[in-house]
Amino acid sequence: MKKIGLVSIFLVFGLVGHGFCQETVTNNQILEKLNSLEVKIARLEEGQKSLQKQMDSLDKRIDDMRNLLYVILAGMFALVGFVIWDRRTALAPAVKKVEALEERGKTVERILKEFALKEPKLAAVMRNMAL
C-alpha cells in the first residue's frame, strides 16, 4: 500500500509540476501570438486604408462618368433642338411658296368660274371635272 501511495504522490507532483511548466510555455506562446496578432491587425488597418483610398478613387471616377453623361445628354438635346430649328428654317421658304401657289390656284379657279358663267361649254367642262 505504501508503494501505491508513493506512486500516487509522485504522479500528482509530476503532473502538477508539468502543468506549471506548461503554463510558463503557454504564457510565452500567448505573448508571441499577441505580438503576431498586433502585427496582423496593423496590416489589416493598412489594407483597410488602402481599400478606402481605392473606394474614394472609384467614387471620383463615378462622379466623372456622371458628369460626362450629363454633358453628352446636353449635347444630344442641343443637337435635336438645332435639327428642329434648321428644319423650320429650311422649310419656311418652301411653305411660303406652296401657300403662294395655292392662293394662285384659288384665284385661277375663281376666274374660270366667273368666265364659265358667260361660256356654257366651259361650265360643262368644269362640272365634268367636279370644279
C-alpha atoms as a PDB file:
ATOM      1  CA  MET A   1       0.000   0.000   0.000  1.00  0.00           C
ATOM      2  CA  LYS A   2       2.892   2.248   0.711  1.00  0.00           C
ATOM      3  CA  LYS A   3       4.079   1.725  -2.851  1.00  0.00           C
ATOM      4  CA  ILE A   4       0.726   2.779  -4.298  1.00  0.00           C
ATOM      5  CA  GLY A   5       0.679   5.856  -2.078  1.00  0.00           C
ATOM      6  CA  LEU A   6       4.203   6.831  -3.083  1.00  0.00           C
ATOM      7  CA  VAL A   7       3.483   6.286  -6.739  1.00  0.00           C
ATOM      8  CA  SER A   8       0.309   8.370  -6.460  1.00  0.00           C
ATOM      9  CA  ILE A   9       2.208  11.189  -4.710  1.00  0.00           C
ATOM     10  CA  PHE A  10       4.900  11.179  -7.414  1.00  0.00           C
ATOM     11  CA  LEU A  11       2.243  11.155 -10.106  1.00  0.00           C
ATOM     12  CA  VAL A  12       0.383  14.080  -8.548  1.00  0.00           C
ATOM     13  CA  PHE A  13       3.544  16.164  -8.063  1.00  0.00           C
ATOM     14  CA  GLY A  14       4.793  15.197 -11.505  1.00  0.00           C
ATOM     15  CA  LEU A  15       1.557  16.282 -13.169  1.00  0.00           C
ATOM     16  CA  VAL A  16       1.354  19.495 -11.138  1.00  0.00           C
ATOM     17  CA  GLY A  17       4.981  20.312 -11.973  1.00  0.00           C
ATOM     18  CA  HIS A  18       4.354  19.518 -15.576  1.00  0.00           C
ATOM     19  CA  GLY A  19       1.275  21.790 -15.526  1.00  0.00           C
ATOM     20  CA  PHE A  20       3.304  24.720 -14.135  1.00  0.00           C
ATOM     21  CA  CYS A  21       5.955  24.174 -16.735  1.00  0.00           C
ATOM     22  CA  GLN A  22       3.344  24.067 -19.491  1.00  0.00           C
ATOM     23  CA  GLU A  23       1.738  27.274 -18.198  1.00  0.00           C
ATOM     24  CA  THR A  24       5.020  29.142 -18.486  1.00  0.00           C
ATOM     25  CA  VAL A  25       5.480  27.973 -22.073  1.00  0.00           C
ATOM     26  CA  THR A  26       1.854  28.813 -22.799  1.00  0.00           C
ATOM     27  CA  ASN A  27       2.358  32.352 -21.474  1.00  0.00           C
ATOM     28  CA  ASN A  28       5.318  32.789 -23.811  1.00  0.00           C
ATOM     29  CA  GLN A  29       3.256  31.382 -26.637  1.00  0.00           C
ATOM     30  CA  ILE A  30       0.410  33.714 -25.726  1.00  0.00           C
ATOM     31  CA  LEU A  31       2.751  36.690 -25.839  1.00  0.00           C
ATOM     32  CA  GLU A  32       4.091  35.601 -29.209  1.00  0.00           C
ATOM     33  CA  LYS A  33       0.556  35.128 -30.523  1.00  0.00           C
ATOM     34  CA  LEU A  34      -0.459  38.552 -29.214  1.00  0.00           C
ATOM     35  CA  ASN A  35       2.514  40.148 -30.938  1.00  0.00           C
ATOM     36  CA  SER A  36       1.721  38.379 -34.212  1.00  0.00           C
ATOM     37  CA  LEU A  37      -1.941  39.403 -33.855  1.00  0.00           C
ATOM     38  CA  GLU A  38      -0.896  43.026 -33.321  1.00  0.00           C
ATOM     39  CA  VAL A  39       1.200  42.847 -36.477  1.00  0.00           C
ATOM     40  CA  LYS A  40      -1.704  41.315 -38.394  1.00  0.00           C
ATOM     41  CA  ILE A  41      -4.087  43.966 -37.074  1.00  0.00           C
ATOM     42  CA  ALA A  42      -1.673  46.675 -38.206  1.00  0.00           C
ATOM     43  CA  ARG A  43      -1.544  45.066 -41.664  1.00  0.00           C
ATOM     44  CA  LEU A  44      -5.330  44.870 -41.751  1.00  0.00           C
ATOM     45  CA  GLU A  45      -5.574  48.554 -40.850  1.00  0.00           C
ATOM     46  CA  GLU A  46      -3.130  49.414 -43.633  1.00  0.00           C
ATOM     47  CA  GLY A  47      -5.156  47.283 -46.049  1.00  0.00           C
ATOM     48  CA  GLN A  48      -8.338  48.980 -44.898  1.00  0.00           C
ATOM     49  CA  LYS A  49      -6.793  52.406 -45.521  1.00  0.00           C
ATOM     50  CA  SER A  50      -5.705  51.250 -48.971  1.00  0.00           C
ATOM     51  CA  LEU A  51      -9.217  49.980 -49.722  1.00  0.00           C
ATOM     52  CA  GLN A  52     -10.669  53.284 -48.538  1.00  0.00           C
ATOM     53  CA  LYS A  53      -8.345  55.160 -50.922  1.00  0.00           C
ATOM     54  CA  GLN A  54      -9.429  52.883 -53.769  1.00  0.00           C
ATOM     55  CA  MET A  55     -13.094  53.433 -52.913  1.00  0.00           C
ATOM     56  CA  ASP A  56     -12.549  57.200 -52.880  1.00  0.00           C
ATOM     57  CA  SER A  57     -10.862  56.942 -56.276  1.00  0.00           C
ATOM     58  CA  LEU A  58     -13.771  54.853 -57.552  1.00  0.00           C
ATOM     59  CA  ASP A  59     -16.261  57.415 -56.240  1.00  0.00           C
ATOM     60  CA  LYS A  60     -14.358  60.148 -58.077  1.00  0.00           C
ATOM     61  CA  ARG A  61     -14.428  58.102 -61.277  1.00  0.00           C
ATOM     62  CA  ILE A  62     -18.167  57.530 -60.925  1.00  0.00           C
ATOM     63  CA  ASP A  63     -18.709  61.269 -60.418  1.00  0.00           C
ATOM     64  CA  ASP A  64     -16.593  61.986 -63.512  1.00  0.00           C
ATOM     65  CA  MET A  65     -18.616  59.463 -65.536  1.00  0.00           C
ATOM     66  CA  ARG A  66     -21.873  61.013 -64.301  1.00  0.00           C
ATOM     67  CA  ASN A  67     -20.666  64.483 -65.336  1.00  0.00           C
ATOM     68  CA  LEU A  68     -19.640  63.141 -68.743  1.00  0.00           C
ATOM     69  CA  LEU A  69     -23.079  61.589 -69.146  1.00  0.00           C
ATOM     70  CA  TYR A  70     -24.708  64.939 -68.357  1.00  0.00           C
ATOM     71  CA  VAL A  71     -22.510  66.660 -70.940  1.00  0.00           C
ATOM     72  CA  ILE A  72     -23.358  64.038 -73.564  1.00  0.00           C
ATOM     73  CA  LEU A  73     -27.092  64.316 -72.846  1.00  0.00           C
ATOM     74  CA  ALA A  74     -26.940  68.109 -73.019  1.00  0.00           C
ATOM     75  CA  GLY A  75     -25.133  67.849 -76.350  1.00  0.00           C
ATOM     76  CA  MET A  76     -27.752  65.455 -77.690  1.00  0.00           C
ATOM     77  CA  PHE A  77     -30.605  67.759 -76.657  1.00  0.00           C
ATOM     78  CA  ALA A  78     -28.806  70.720 -78.221  1.00  0.00           C
ATOM     79  CA  LEU A  79     -28.345  68.751 -81.445  1.00  0.00           C
ATOM     80  CA  VAL A  80     -32.023  67.763 -81.569  1.00  0.00           C
ATOM     81  CA  GLY A  81     -33.006  71.385 -80.949  1.00  0.00           C
ATOM     82  CA  PHE A  82     -30.701  72.559 -83.726  1.00  0.00           C
ATOM     83  CA  VAL A  83     -32.131  69.991 -86.156  1.00  0.00           C
ATOM     84  CA  ILE A  84     -35.693  71.095 -85.378  1.00  0.00           C
ATOM     85  CA  TRP A  85     -34.767  74.756 -85.745  1.00  0.00           C
ATOM     86  CA  ASP A  86     -32.913  74.044 -89.002  1.00  0.00           C
ATOM     87  CA  ARG A  87     -35.870  72.137 -90.426  1.00  0.00           C
ATOM     88  CA  ARG A  88     -38.208  75.007 -89.696  1.00  0.00           C
ATOM     89  CA  THR A  89     -35.767  77.475 -91.199  1.00  0.00           C
ATOM     90  CA  ALA A  90     -35.195  75.322 -94.285  1.00  0.00           C
ATOM     91  CA  LEU A  91     -38.894  74.557 -94.779  1.00  0.00           C
ATOM     92  CA  ALA A  92     -40.110  78.140 -94.303  1.00  0.00           C
ATOM     93  CA  PRO A  93     -39.381  79.228 -97.928  1.00  0.00           C
ATOM     94  CA  ALA A  94     -40.969  76.048 -99.303  1.00  0.00           C
ATOM     95  CA  VAL A  95     -44.064  76.557 -97.139  1.00  0.00           C
ATOM     96  CA  LYS A  96     -44.371  80.171 -98.346  1.00  0.00           C
ATOM     97  CA  LYS A  97     -44.042  79.044-101.963  1.00  0.00           C
ATOM     98  CA  VAL A  98     -46.708  76.361-101.539  1.00  0.00           C
ATOM     99  CA  GLU A  99     -49.062  78.860 -99.907  1.00  0.00           C
ATOM    100  CA  ALA A 100     -48.488  81.290-102.772  1.00  0.00           C
ATOM    101  CA  LEU A 101     -49.202  78.550-105.337  1.00  0.00           C
ATOM    102  CA  GLU A 102     -52.392  77.526-103.507  1.00  0.00           C
ATOM    103  CA  GLU A 103     -53.537  81.147-103.455  1.00  0.00           C
ATOM    104  CA  ARG A 104     -52.771  81.460-107.177  1.00  0.00           C
ATOM    105  CA  GLY A 105     -54.662  78.238-107.891  1.00  0.00           C
ATOM    106  CA  LYS A 106     -57.705  79.548-105.998  1.00  0.00           C
ATOM    107  CA  THR A 107     -57.529  82.784-107.943  1.00  0.00           C
ATOM    108  CA  VAL A 108     -57.375  80.918-111.274  1.00  0.00           C
ATOM    109  CA  GLU A 109     -60.305  78.758-110.187  1.00  0.00           C
ATOM    110  CA  ARG A 110     -62.399  81.863-109.328  1.00  0.00           C
ATOM    111  CA  ILE A 111     -61.545  83.409-112.696  1.00  0.00           C
ATOM    112  CA  LEU A 112     -62.586  80.234-114.524  1.00  0.00           C
ATOM    113  CA  LYS A 113     -65.859  80.036-112.562  1.00  0.00           C
ATOM    114  CA  GLU A 114     -66.697  83.636-113.451  1.00  0.00           C
ATOM    115  CA  PHE A 115     -65.817  83.046-117.093  1.00  0.00           C
ATOM    116  CA  ALA A 116     -67.865  79.835-117.071  1.00  0.00           C
ATOM    117  CA  LEU A 117     -70.960  81.888-116.211  1.00  0.00           C
ATOM    118  CA  LYS A 118     -70.626  83.527-119.661  1.00  0.00           C
ATOM    119  CA  GLU A 119     -69.411  80.417-121.557  1.00  0.00           C
ATOM    120  CA  PRO A 120     -71.699  77.345-121.292  1.00  0.00           C
ATOM    121  CA  LYS A 121     -69.098  74.960-122.828  1.00  0.00           C
ATOM    122  CA  LEU A 122     -66.560  75.879-120.123  1.00  0.00           C
ATOM    123  CA  ALA A 123     -69.261  75.423-117.454  1.00  0.00           C
ATOM    124  CA  ALA A 124     -69.979  71.895-118.783  1.00  0.00           C
ATOM    125  CA  VAL A 125     -66.279  71.011-118.727  1.00  0.00           C
ATOM    126  CA  MET A 126     -65.892  72.341-115.168  1.00  0.00           C
ATOM    127  CA  ARG A 127     -68.944  70.307-113.994  1.00  0.00           C
ATOM    128  CA  ASN A 128     -67.434  67.171-115.526  1.00  0.00           C
ATOM    129  CA  MET A 129     -64.171  67.877-113.660  1.00  0.00           C
ATOM    130  CA  ALA A 130     -66.099  68.497-110.404  1.00  0.00           C
ATOM    131  CA  LEU A 131     -64.957  72.096-110.126  1.00  0.00           C
END
